[in-house]
Amino acid sequence: MSHDSEGPRLWLLRHGETEWSKSGQHTGRTDLPLTERGRVQAGKLRAPLAPLDFRAIVTSPRQRARDTCALAGCADRDVRPVVDEDLAEWDYGEYEGITTPQIRARDPEWSLWRDGAPGGESPEAICARVDRLIARWGGEEGDVALFAHGHVLRVIALRWLAWPLELGAQLGLATATIGCVGTTGGRRGLLEWNRPA
């Protein structure tokens, strides 16, 4: 993987499959393990990540992200992974464990990106959390690997690019995929997105 980045990059790594990612259920705080397929997916991240030199490896506190980090070979490096609470998935509140079609049966106009989740996080709250994360890990000292979840990784990309949050609905992100943001042409850019291992 070669990228024309003029400085440090944030590598955005989504965890492998879980039972709820497979069924489309919103999974924020619920601490589900990877499925067997998810463990295989996570292991396939090892080869493309092996040549990359990370100054930091950061993971969500949820086991699906921590286990993906380990299976991808990032627990075996000199740089030890650290857990960052700000990398946790969007808090879906009352929508935890249910699917978008189920939510839209109640509220046909609902959009996570505009409305957030009742009893969970608003778009403003997750943006503030992600802005703290980017301030902490998006510096000039070298590449950082971020192991996390489908929605929070999209928010990171959007905040990095200063794009409107509602564009997140148009950014698909499969399990066990690789994304990357950095600087190109003197501006922040999206260098890679949704690449399967």
N, C-alpha and C. Protein backbone atom coordinates (compact mmCIF):
# COMPACT_ATOMS: atom_id res chain seq x y z
N MET A 1 0.84 -1.18 0.00
CA MET A 1 0.00 0.00 0.00
C MET A 1 0.88 1.24 0.00
N SER A 2 0.91 1.93 -1.10
CA SER A 2 1.65 3.19 -1.12
C SER A 2 0.66 4.32 -1.25
N HIS A 3 0.89 5.36 -0.50
CA HIS A 3 -0.01 6.51 -0.51
C HIS A 3 0.82 7.77 -0.60
N ASP A 4 0.33 8.70 -1.39
CA ASP A 4 1.02 9.97 -1.55
C ASP A 4 0.62 10.91 -0.43
N SER A 5 1.05 10.59 0.77
CA SER A 5 0.75 11.46 1.91
C SER A 5 2.00 12.23 2.25
N GLU A 6 1.80 13.51 2.56
CA GLU A 6 2.93 14.37 2.86
C GLU A 6 3.27 14.39 4.35
N GLY A 7 2.60 13.60 5.11
CA GLY A 7 2.86 13.58 6.55
C GLY A 7 2.25 12.36 7.17
N PRO A 8 2.08 12.38 8.47
CA PRO A 8 1.51 11.24 9.18
C PRO A 8 0.10 10.92 8.72
N ARG A 9 -0.25 9.66 8.86
CA ARG A 9 -1.57 9.19 8.45
C ARG A 9 -2.29 8.55 9.64
N LEU A 10 -3.60 8.61 9.61
CA LEU A 10 -4.44 7.85 10.53
C LEU A 10 -5.02 6.68 9.74
N TRP A 11 -4.70 5.47 10.18
CA TRP A 11 -5.23 4.27 9.54
C TRP A 11 -6.49 3.86 10.28
N LEU A 12 -7.60 3.76 9.55
CA LEU A 12 -8.92 3.52 10.13
C LEU A 12 -9.29 2.06 9.86
N LEU A 13 -9.30 1.25 10.92
CA LEU A 13 -9.42 -0.20 10.79
C LEU A 13 -10.67 -0.68 11.51
N ARG A 14 -11.63 -1.17 10.72
CA ARG A 14 -12.87 -1.64 11.33
C ARG A 14 -12.71 -3.09 11.79
N HIS A 15 -13.31 -3.40 12.92
CA HIS A 15 -13.25 -4.75 13.48
C HIS A 15 -13.90 -5.77 12.54
N GLY A 16 -13.59 -7.05 12.78
CA GLY A 16 -14.20 -8.14 12.03
C GLY A 16 -15.67 -8.33 12.40
N GLU A 17 -16.27 -9.27 11.70
CA GLU A 17 -17.70 -9.52 11.86
C GLU A 17 -18.09 -9.97 13.27
N THR A 18 -19.26 -9.47 13.73
CA THR A 18 -19.91 -9.98 14.94
C THR A 18 -21.31 -10.45 14.52
N GLU A 19 -22.00 -11.11 15.43
CA GLU A 19 -23.37 -11.54 15.10
C GLU A 19 -24.25 -10.34 14.76
N TRP A 20 -24.07 -9.23 15.46
CA TRP A 20 -24.93 -8.07 15.22
C TRP A 20 -24.50 -7.28 13.99
N SER A 21 -23.22 -7.25 13.67
CA SER A 21 -22.84 -6.58 12.42
C SER A 21 -23.39 -7.36 11.23
N LYS A 22 -23.45 -8.68 11.39
CA LYS A 22 -24.00 -9.54 10.33
C LYS A 22 -25.50 -9.29 10.16
N SER A 23 -26.23 -9.09 11.25
CA SER A 23 -27.68 -8.92 11.20
C SER A 23 -28.11 -7.46 11.00
N GLY A 24 -27.16 -6.53 11.10
CA GLY A 24 -27.48 -5.11 10.94
C GLY A 24 -28.00 -4.45 12.20
N GLN A 25 -27.83 -5.11 13.35
CA GLN A 25 -28.27 -4.50 14.61
C GLN A 25 -27.25 -3.48 15.08
N HIS A 26 -27.73 -2.34 15.56
CA HIS A 26 -26.83 -1.30 16.06
C HIS A 26 -26.11 -1.80 17.31
N THR A 27 -24.78 -1.73 17.27
CA THR A 27 -23.96 -2.27 18.37
C THR A 27 -23.04 -1.17 18.88
N GLY A 28 -23.45 -0.51 19.94
CA GLY A 28 -22.62 0.52 20.55
C GLY A 28 -21.93 -0.02 21.78
N ARG A 29 -22.62 0.04 22.91
CA ARG A 29 -22.03 -0.38 24.19
C ARG A 29 -21.97 -1.90 24.36
N THR A 30 -22.85 -2.64 23.67
CA THR A 30 -22.90 -4.09 23.83
C THR A 30 -21.56 -4.69 23.40
N ASP A 31 -20.95 -5.48 24.28
CA ASP A 31 -19.57 -5.94 24.05
C ASP A 31 -19.57 -7.35 23.45
N LEU A 32 -19.90 -7.43 22.17
CA LEU A 32 -19.99 -8.71 21.49
C LEU A 32 -18.62 -9.20 21.03
N PRO A 33 -18.40 -10.53 21.03
CA PRO A 33 -17.17 -11.07 20.46
C PRO A 33 -17.26 -11.15 18.94
N LEU A 34 -16.12 -11.34 18.31
CA LEU A 34 -16.09 -11.64 16.88
C LEU A 34 -16.69 -13.02 16.63
N THR A 35 -17.32 -13.18 15.48
CA THR A 35 -17.71 -14.52 15.04
C THR A 35 -16.44 -15.24 14.57
N GLU A 36 -16.57 -16.52 14.26
CA GLU A 36 -15.41 -17.24 13.71
C GLU A 36 -14.98 -16.61 12.39
N ARG A 37 -15.96 -16.23 11.57
CA ARG A 37 -15.63 -15.54 10.31
C ARG A 37 -14.94 -14.20 10.61
N GLY A 38 -15.40 -13.50 11.64
CA GLY A 38 -14.78 -12.24 12.02
C GLY A 38 -13.34 -12.41 12.46
N ARG A 39 -13.05 -13.51 13.14
CA ARG A 39 -11.66 -13.79 13.55
C ARG A 39 -10.78 -14.05 12.33
N VAL A 40 -11.31 -14.77 11.36
CA VAL A 40 -10.57 -15.01 10.12
C VAL A 40 -10.34 -13.69 9.37
N GLN A 41 -11.39 -12.87 9.28
CA GLN A 41 -11.26 -11.56 8.63
C GLN A 41 -10.15 -10.73 9.30
N ALA A 42 -10.18 -10.70 10.63
CA ALA A 42 -9.20 -9.90 11.37
C ALA A 42 -7.79 -10.38 11.10
N GLY A 43 -7.61 -11.70 11.03
CA GLY A 43 -6.29 -12.26 10.74
C GLY A 43 -5.78 -11.85 9.36
N LYS A 44 -6.69 -11.63 8.43
CA LYS A 44 -6.27 -11.22 7.08
C LYS A 44 -5.76 -9.79 7.03
N LEU A 45 -5.99 -9.00 8.08
CA LEU A 45 -5.44 -7.65 8.15
C LEU A 45 -3.93 -7.67 8.43
N ARG A 46 -3.44 -8.79 8.94
CA ARG A 46 -2.03 -8.88 9.36
C ARG A 46 -1.08 -8.55 8.22
N ALA A 47 -1.27 -9.17 7.05
CA ALA A 47 -0.32 -8.99 5.94
C ALA A 47 -0.27 -7.55 5.44
N PRO A 48 -1.42 -6.89 5.15
CA PRO A 48 -1.31 -5.52 4.65
C PRO A 48 -0.80 -4.52 5.70
N LEU A 49 -0.99 -4.82 6.99
CA LEU A 49 -0.52 -3.89 8.02
C LEU A 49 0.95 -4.12 8.40
N ALA A 50 1.46 -5.32 8.12
CA ALA A 50 2.81 -5.69 8.56
C ALA A 50 3.90 -4.69 8.14
N PRO A 51 3.89 -4.18 6.90
CA PRO A 51 4.97 -3.26 6.51
C PRO A 51 4.85 -1.85 7.08
N LEU A 52 3.72 -1.54 7.71
CA LEU A 52 3.50 -0.17 8.19
C LEU A 52 4.14 0.03 9.56
N ASP A 53 4.75 1.19 9.73
CA ASP A 53 5.43 1.53 10.98
C ASP A 53 4.55 2.52 11.74
N PHE A 54 3.95 2.08 12.84
CA PHE A 54 3.04 2.92 13.60
C PHE A 54 3.74 3.52 14.81
N ARG A 55 3.55 4.83 15.03
CA ARG A 55 4.05 5.44 16.27
C ARG A 55 3.12 5.11 17.43
N ALA A 56 1.84 4.81 17.10
CA ALA A 56 0.87 4.44 18.12
C ALA A 56 -0.16 3.51 17.50
N ILE A 57 -0.65 2.59 18.33
CA ILE A 57 -1.74 1.69 17.97
C ILE A 57 -2.81 1.89 19.02
N VAL A 58 -4.00 2.28 18.57
CA VAL A 58 -5.06 2.67 19.50
C VAL A 58 -6.29 1.82 19.19
N THR A 59 -6.97 1.37 20.24
CA THR A 59 -8.15 0.56 20.04
C THR A 59 -9.31 1.04 20.91
N SER A 60 -10.50 0.82 20.39
CA SER A 60 -11.72 1.01 21.18
C SER A 60 -11.66 0.07 22.38
N PRO A 61 -12.39 0.39 23.44
CA PRO A 61 -12.42 -0.52 24.59
C PRO A 61 -13.20 -1.82 24.33
N ARG A 62 -13.98 -1.89 23.28
CA ARG A 62 -14.80 -3.08 23.03
C ARG A 62 -13.96 -4.26 22.54
N GLN A 63 -14.31 -5.47 23.00
CA GLN A 63 -13.50 -6.64 22.69
C GLN A 63 -13.42 -6.91 21.19
N ARG A 64 -14.44 -6.58 20.42
CA ARG A 64 -14.39 -6.85 18.98
C ARG A 64 -13.27 -6.05 18.31
N ALA A 65 -13.02 -4.83 18.80
CA ALA A 65 -11.93 -4.02 18.27
C ALA A 65 -10.58 -4.48 18.83
N ARG A 66 -10.53 -4.75 20.14
CA ARG A 66 -9.27 -5.19 20.75
C ARG A 66 -8.81 -6.53 20.17
N ASP A 67 -9.76 -7.45 19.95
CA ASP A 67 -9.40 -8.75 19.39
C ASP A 67 -8.98 -8.63 17.92
N THR A 68 -9.62 -7.74 17.18
CA THR A 68 -9.19 -7.51 15.79
C THR A 68 -7.77 -6.97 15.77
N CYS A 69 -7.46 -6.05 16.66
CA CYS A 69 -6.10 -5.51 16.77
C CYS A 69 -5.09 -6.63 17.02
N ALA A 70 -5.41 -7.51 17.96
CA ALA A 70 -4.50 -8.61 18.29
C ALA A 70 -4.36 -9.58 17.13
N LEU A 71 -5.46 -9.97 16.51
CA LEU A 71 -5.42 -10.94 15.41
C LEU A 71 -4.74 -10.36 14.17
N ALA A 72 -4.76 -9.03 14.05
CA ALA A 72 -4.07 -8.37 12.93
C ALA A 72 -2.57 -8.23 13.19
N GLY A 73 -2.09 -8.75 14.31
CA GLY A 73 -0.67 -8.74 14.60
C GLY A 73 -0.18 -7.50 15.30
N CYS A 74 -1.08 -6.62 15.68
CA CYS A 74 -0.65 -5.35 16.27
C CYS A 74 -0.39 -5.43 17.76
N ALA A 75 -0.71 -6.56 18.38
CA ALA A 75 -0.36 -6.73 19.80
C ALA A 75 1.06 -7.26 19.94
N ASP A 76 1.66 -7.68 18.82
CA ASP A 76 3.00 -8.28 18.85
C ASP A 76 4.12 -7.28 18.55
N ARG A 77 3.78 -6.04 18.38
CA ARG A 77 4.77 -5.04 17.98
C ARG A 77 5.45 -4.41 19.20
N ASP A 78 6.52 -3.68 18.92
CA ASP A 78 7.21 -2.95 19.99
C ASP A 78 6.31 -1.87 20.59
N VAL A 79 5.49 -1.24 19.73
CA VAL A 79 4.54 -0.25 20.19
C VAL A 79 3.31 -1.00 20.71
N ARG A 80 3.02 -0.88 21.99
CA ARG A 80 1.90 -1.62 22.58
C ARG A 80 0.58 -0.90 22.33
N PRO A 81 -0.48 -1.63 21.99
CA PRO A 81 -1.78 -0.98 21.79
C PRO A 81 -2.28 -0.32 23.08
N VAL A 82 -2.92 0.81 22.91
CA VAL A 82 -3.55 1.50 24.03
C VAL A 82 -5.05 1.61 23.77
N VAL A 83 -5.83 1.55 24.83
CA VAL A 83 -7.29 1.68 24.73
C VAL A 83 -7.66 3.14 24.93
N ASP A 84 -8.50 3.66 24.05
CA ASP A 84 -8.97 5.04 24.15
C ASP A 84 -10.50 5.02 24.15
N GLU A 85 -11.10 5.48 25.24
CA GLU A 85 -12.56 5.48 25.36
C GLU A 85 -13.22 6.33 24.26
N ASP A 86 -12.52 7.35 23.77
CA ASP A 86 -13.10 8.20 22.73
C ASP A 86 -13.23 7.48 21.40
N LEU A 87 -12.64 6.29 21.27
CA LEU A 87 -12.71 5.50 20.04
C LEU A 87 -13.87 4.50 20.08
N ALA A 88 -14.64 4.49 21.16
CA ALA A 88 -15.80 3.60 21.24
C ALA A 88 -16.82 3.98 20.16
N GLU A 89 -17.69 3.02 19.84
CA GLU A 89 -18.72 3.25 18.83
C GLU A 89 -19.73 4.28 19.32
N TRP A 90 -20.44 4.88 18.37
CA TRP A 90 -21.56 5.79 18.66
C TRP A 90 -22.45 5.12 19.70
N ASP A 91 -22.87 5.86 20.70
CA ASP A 91 -23.80 5.33 21.71
C ASP A 91 -25.21 5.45 21.15
N TYR A 92 -25.83 4.28 20.87
CA TYR A 92 -27.13 4.26 20.20
C TYR A 92 -28.31 4.36 21.17
N GLY A 93 -28.05 4.40 22.47
CA GLY A 93 -29.11 4.60 23.44
C GLY A 93 -30.25 3.60 23.26
N GLU A 94 -31.46 4.11 23.06
CA GLU A 94 -32.65 3.25 22.92
C GLU A 94 -32.62 2.41 21.64
N TYR A 95 -31.74 2.76 20.69
CA TYR A 95 -31.67 2.02 19.43
C TYR A 95 -30.62 0.92 19.44
N GLU A 96 -29.99 0.71 20.59
CA GLU A 96 -29.03 -0.38 20.74
C GLU A 96 -29.71 -1.72 20.45
N GLY A 97 -29.11 -2.52 19.59
CA GLY A 97 -29.60 -3.87 19.33
C GLY A 97 -30.73 -3.97 18.32
N ILE A 98 -31.15 -2.83 17.75
CA ILE A 98 -32.18 -2.92 16.72
C ILE A 98 -31.64 -2.39 15.39
N THR A 99 -32.32 -2.72 14.31
CA THR A 99 -31.84 -2.40 12.96
C THR A 99 -32.44 -1.09 12.47
N THR A 100 -31.83 -0.53 11.44
CA THR A 100 -32.36 0.69 10.84
C THR A 100 -33.79 0.50 10.31
N PRO A 101 -34.11 -0.61 9.60
CA PRO A 101 -35.52 -0.78 9.18
C PRO A 101 -36.50 -0.80 10.36
N GLN A 102 -36.10 -1.39 11.49
CA GLN A 102 -36.98 -1.39 12.67
C GLN A 102 -37.18 0.03 13.20
N ILE A 103 -36.11 0.81 13.21
CA ILE A 103 -36.22 2.20 13.67
C ILE A 103 -37.11 3.00 12.72
N ARG A 104 -36.91 2.81 11.43
CA ARG A 104 -37.67 3.58 10.44
C ARG A 104 -39.13 3.16 10.40
N ALA A 105 -39.46 1.97 10.89
CA ALA A 105 -40.88 1.59 11.00
C ALA A 105 -41.58 2.50 12.00
N ARG A 106 -40.84 2.98 13.01
CA ARG A 106 -41.39 3.91 14.00
C ARG A 106 -41.25 5.36 13.55
N ASP A 107 -40.10 5.67 12.92
CA ASP A 107 -39.77 7.04 12.55
C ASP A 107 -39.18 7.02 11.14
N PRO A 108 -40.05 7.12 10.11
CA PRO A 108 -39.58 6.95 8.72
C PRO A 108 -38.51 7.94 8.29
N GLU A 109 -38.43 9.09 8.93
CA GLU A 109 -37.47 10.13 8.52
C GLU A 109 -36.16 10.07 9.30
N TRP A 110 -36.02 9.09 10.20
CA TRP A 110 -34.85 9.07 11.09
C TRP A 110 -33.54 8.92 10.33
N SER A 111 -32.55 9.70 10.75
CA SER A 111 -31.17 9.57 10.27
C SER A 111 -30.25 9.69 11.48
N LEU A 112 -29.42 8.68 11.69
CA LEU A 112 -28.45 8.76 12.78
C LEU A 112 -27.59 10.01 12.65
N TRP A 113 -27.22 10.32 11.41
CA TRP A 113 -26.26 11.40 11.14
C TRP A 113 -26.85 12.78 11.46
N ARG A 114 -28.15 12.90 11.41
CA ARG A 114 -28.81 14.17 11.70
C ARG A 114 -29.42 14.19 13.10
N ASP A 115 -29.99 13.04 13.50
CA ASP A 115 -30.82 12.98 14.70
C ASP A 115 -30.14 12.34 15.91
N GLY A 116 -29.07 11.58 15.68
CA GLY A 116 -28.48 10.84 16.78
C GLY A 116 -29.43 9.75 17.25
N ALA A 117 -29.32 9.38 18.52
CA ALA A 117 -30.13 8.29 19.06
C ALA A 117 -30.71 8.73 20.40
N PRO A 118 -32.03 8.54 20.62
CA PRO A 118 -32.63 8.92 21.90
C PRO A 118 -32.01 8.12 23.04
N GLY A 119 -31.61 8.83 24.08
CA GLY A 119 -30.96 8.18 25.21
C GLY A 119 -29.49 7.85 24.95
N GLY A 120 -29.01 8.19 23.77
CA GLY A 120 -27.62 7.93 23.40
C GLY A 120 -26.92 9.23 23.03
N GLU A 121 -26.05 9.16 22.03
CA GLU A 121 -25.27 10.33 21.65
C GLU A 121 -25.93 11.12 20.52
N SER A 122 -25.84 12.41 20.64
CA SER A 122 -26.24 13.31 19.55
C SER A 122 -25.09 13.42 18.56
N PRO A 123 -25.36 13.89 17.34
CA PRO A 123 -24.26 14.15 16.41
C PRO A 123 -23.22 15.11 16.99
N GLU A 124 -23.69 16.13 17.72
CA GLU A 124 -22.75 17.10 18.31
C GLU A 124 -21.84 16.44 19.34
N ALA A 125 -22.40 15.51 20.12
CA ALA A 125 -21.61 14.83 21.15
C ALA A 125 -20.53 13.94 20.54
N ILE A 126 -20.89 13.17 19.52
CA ILE A 126 -19.86 12.30 18.93
C ILE A 126 -18.82 13.12 18.18
N CYS A 127 -19.22 14.22 17.57
CA CYS A 127 -18.23 15.08 16.90
C CYS A 127 -17.24 15.66 17.90
N ALA A 128 -17.72 16.07 19.06
CA ALA A 128 -16.82 16.61 20.10
C ALA A 128 -15.85 15.53 20.55
N ARG A 129 -16.34 14.31 20.72
CA ARG A 129 -15.49 13.19 21.15
C ARG A 129 -14.43 12.88 20.09
N VAL A 130 -14.85 12.84 18.83
CA VAL A 130 -13.92 12.55 17.73
C VAL A 130 -12.91 13.67 17.55
N ASP A 131 -13.33 14.91 17.74
CA ASP A 131 -12.38 16.02 17.65
C ASP A 131 -11.29 15.91 18.71
N ARG A 132 -11.65 15.46 19.92
CA ARG A 132 -10.63 15.21 20.96
C ARG A 132 -9.67 14.12 20.50
N LEU A 133 -10.22 13.07 19.93
CA LEU A 133 -9.42 11.94 19.47
C LEU A 133 -8.43 12.38 18.39
N ILE A 134 -8.91 13.15 17.42
CA ILE A 134 -8.04 13.62 16.34
C ILE A 134 -6.96 14.54 16.90
N ALA A 135 -7.31 15.40 17.85
CA ALA A 135 -6.32 16.28 18.46
C ALA A 135 -5.23 15.47 19.17
N ARG A 136 -5.63 14.35 19.79
CA ARG A 136 -4.70 13.51 20.53
C ARG A 136 -3.80 12.69 19.61
N TRP A 137 -4.37 12.13 18.53
CA TRP A 137 -3.64 11.14 17.73
C TRP A 137 -3.29 11.61 16.32
N GLY A 138 -3.81 12.74 15.88
CA GLY A 138 -3.59 13.16 14.50
C GLY A 138 -2.44 14.13 14.33
N GLY A 139 -1.44 14.03 15.16
CA GLY A 139 -0.32 14.99 15.14
C GLY A 139 0.69 14.70 14.06
N GLU A 140 1.85 15.27 14.22
CA GLU A 140 2.88 15.25 13.18
C GLU A 140 3.96 14.19 13.39
N GLU A 141 3.80 13.33 14.39
CA GLU A 141 4.92 12.47 14.78
C GLU A 141 4.99 11.14 14.04
N GLY A 142 3.98 10.75 13.29
CA GLY A 142 4.03 9.47 12.58
C GLY A 142 2.66 8.84 12.48
N ASP A 143 2.58 7.72 11.76
CA ASP A 143 1.31 7.06 11.50
C ASP A 143 0.72 6.43 12.77
N VAL A 144 -0.61 6.43 12.82
CA VAL A 144 -1.34 5.85 13.95
C VAL A 144 -2.40 4.91 13.41
N ALA A 145 -2.51 3.72 14.01
CA ALA A 145 -3.56 2.75 13.69
C ALA A 145 -4.69 2.91 14.69
N LEU A 146 -5.92 3.04 14.18
CA LEU A 146 -7.11 3.16 15.02
C LEU A 146 -8.03 1.98 14.73
N PHE A 147 -8.18 1.09 15.69
CA PHE A 147 -9.07 -0.08 15.55
C PHE A 147 -10.40 0.25 16.21
N ALA A 148 -11.46 0.28 15.41
CA ALA A 148 -12.74 0.73 15.97
C ALA A 148 -13.91 0.18 15.17
N HIS A 149 -14.95 1.02 14.98
CA HIS A 149 -16.28 0.58 14.57
C HIS A 149 -16.78 1.39 13.38
N GLY A 150 -17.82 0.86 12.74
CA GLY A 150 -18.31 1.42 11.49
C GLY A 150 -18.72 2.89 11.53
N HIS A 151 -19.47 3.29 12.55
CA HIS A 151 -19.93 4.68 12.57
C HIS A 151 -18.87 5.63 13.09
N VAL A 152 -18.17 5.28 14.16
CA VAL A 152 -17.18 6.22 14.69
C VAL A 152 -16.04 6.44 13.68
N LEU A 153 -15.67 5.40 12.93
CA LEU A 153 -14.61 5.57 11.93
C LEU A 153 -15.06 6.50 10.80
N ARG A 154 -16.33 6.42 10.44
CA ARG A 154 -16.85 7.36 9.43
C ARG A 154 -16.83 8.79 9.96
N VAL A 155 -17.17 8.96 11.24
CA VAL A 155 -17.14 10.30 11.84
C VAL A 155 -15.70 10.83 11.83
N ILE A 156 -14.73 9.98 12.14
CA ILE A 156 -13.32 10.41 12.12
C ILE A 156 -12.94 10.91 10.73
N ALA A 157 -13.29 10.13 9.70
CA ALA A 157 -12.96 10.55 8.33
C ALA A 157 -13.62 11.88 7.99
N LEU A 158 -14.89 12.02 8.32
CA LEU A 158 -15.63 13.24 7.99
C LEU A 158 -15.08 14.45 8.74
N ARG A 159 -14.74 14.29 10.01
CA ARG A 159 -14.19 15.41 10.78
C ARG A 159 -12.78 15.77 10.29
N TRP A 160 -11.99 14.77 9.91
CA TRP A 160 -10.66 15.02 9.36
C TRP A 160 -10.77 15.88 8.10
N LEU A 161 -11.76 15.55 7.26
CA LEU A 161 -11.92 16.23 5.97
C LEU A 161 -12.74 17.51 6.07
N ALA A 162 -13.33 17.78 7.25
CA ALA A 162 -14.23 18.92 7.43
C ALA A 162 -15.42 18.83 6.49
N TRP A 163 -15.94 17.62 6.31
CA TRP A 163 -17.13 17.38 5.49
C TRP A 163 -18.35 17.33 6.40
N PRO A 164 -19.54 17.63 5.88
CA PRO A 164 -20.76 17.56 6.70
C PRO A 164 -21.01 16.14 7.21
N LEU A 165 -21.46 16.04 8.44
CA LEU A 165 -21.65 14.74 9.06
C LEU A 165 -22.67 13.89 8.30
N GLU A 166 -23.67 14.50 7.70
CA GLU A 166 -24.70 13.71 7.03
C GLU A 166 -24.16 12.93 5.83
N LEU A 167 -22.98 13.26 5.34
CA LEU A 167 -22.37 12.47 4.26
C LEU A 167 -22.00 11.07 4.75
N GLY A 168 -21.97 10.86 6.06
CA GLY A 168 -21.66 9.53 6.59
C GLY A 168 -22.60 8.46 6.09
N ALA A 169 -23.84 8.83 5.81
CA ALA A 169 -24.81 7.86 5.29
C ALA A 169 -24.41 7.33 3.93
N GLN A 170 -23.52 8.04 3.22
CA GLN A 170 -23.10 7.63 1.88
C GLN A 170 -21.75 6.92 1.89
N LEU A 171 -21.16 6.76 3.05
CA LEU A 171 -19.85 6.10 3.15
C LEU A 171 -20.04 4.68 3.69
N GLY A 172 -20.13 3.71 2.81
CA GLY A 172 -20.20 2.33 3.27
C GLY A 172 -18.90 1.92 3.92
N LEU A 173 -18.98 1.03 4.92
CA LEU A 173 -17.77 0.56 5.58
C LEU A 173 -18.01 -0.86 6.09
N ALA A 174 -17.45 -1.82 5.37
CA ALA A 174 -17.63 -3.23 5.72
C ALA A 174 -16.73 -3.62 6.89
N THR A 175 -16.99 -4.79 7.45
CA THR A 175 -16.15 -5.29 8.54
C THR A 175 -14.76 -5.64 8.02
N ALA A 176 -13.78 -5.51 8.92
CA ALA A 176 -12.37 -5.85 8.64
C ALA A 176 -11.86 -5.16 7.38
N THR A 177 -12.07 -3.86 7.31
CA THR A 177 -11.59 -3.08 6.17
C THR A 177 -10.59 -2.02 6.63
N ILE A 178 -9.88 -1.49 5.64
CA ILE A 178 -8.81 -0.52 5.87
C ILE A 178 -9.19 0.80 5.22
N GLY A 179 -9.06 1.86 5.98
CA GLY A 179 -9.20 3.21 5.46
C GLY A 179 -7.99 4.02 5.92
N CYS A 180 -7.78 5.16 5.29
CA CYS A 180 -6.62 5.98 5.66
C CYS A 180 -6.91 7.44 5.32
N VAL A 181 -6.61 8.32 6.27
CA VAL A 181 -6.65 9.76 6.01
C VAL A 181 -5.27 10.34 6.28
N GLY A 182 -4.96 11.39 5.57
CA GLY A 182 -3.66 12.04 5.74
C GLY A 182 -3.68 13.39 5.06
N THR A 183 -2.52 13.82 4.58
CA THR A 183 -2.38 15.11 3.92
C THR A 183 -1.84 14.90 2.52
N THR A 184 -2.47 15.51 1.55
CA THR A 184 -2.01 15.41 0.16
C THR A 184 -2.26 16.74 -0.53
N GLY A 185 -1.29 17.21 -1.28
CA GLY A 185 -1.42 18.51 -1.94
C GLY A 185 -1.59 19.65 -0.96
N GLY A 186 -1.04 19.48 0.24
CA GLY A 186 -1.13 20.52 1.26
C GLY A 186 -2.46 20.58 1.98
N ARG A 187 -3.35 19.62 1.69
CA ARG A 187 -4.67 19.61 2.32
C ARG A 187 -4.95 18.23 2.89
N ARG A 188 -5.82 18.19 3.89
CA ARG A 188 -6.25 16.91 4.43
C ARG A 188 -7.02 16.15 3.37
N GLY A 189 -6.73 14.85 3.26
CA GLY A 189 -7.38 14.06 2.22
C GLY A 189 -7.74 12.66 2.69
N LEU A 190 -8.63 12.03 1.93
CA LEU A 190 -9.01 10.64 2.12
C LEU A 190 -8.14 9.82 1.17
N LEU A 191 -7.22 9.04 1.73
CA LEU A 191 -6.23 8.33 0.93
C LEU A 191 -6.69 6.93 0.55
N GLU A 192 -7.56 6.35 1.37
CA GLU A 192 -8.03 4.98 1.10
C GLU A 192 -9.31 4.79 1.90
N TRP A 193 -10.24 3.95 1.35
CA TRP A 193 -11.50 3.77 2.06
C TRP A 193 -12.09 2.38 1.78
N ASN A 194 -12.50 1.69 2.84
CA ASN A 194 -13.29 0.46 2.73
C ASN A 194 -12.58 -0.63 1.93
N ARG A 195 -11.26 -0.72 2.08
CA ARG A 195 -10.51 -1.75 1.35
C ARG A 195 -10.46 -3.03 2.15
N PRO A 196 -11.00 -4.13 1.61
CA PRO A 196 -10.92 -5.38 2.36
C PRO A 196 -9.49 -5.89 2.42
N ALA A 197 -9.17 -6.56 3.50
CA ALA A 197 -7.82 -7.14 3.64
C ALA A 197 -7.61 -8.21 2.60
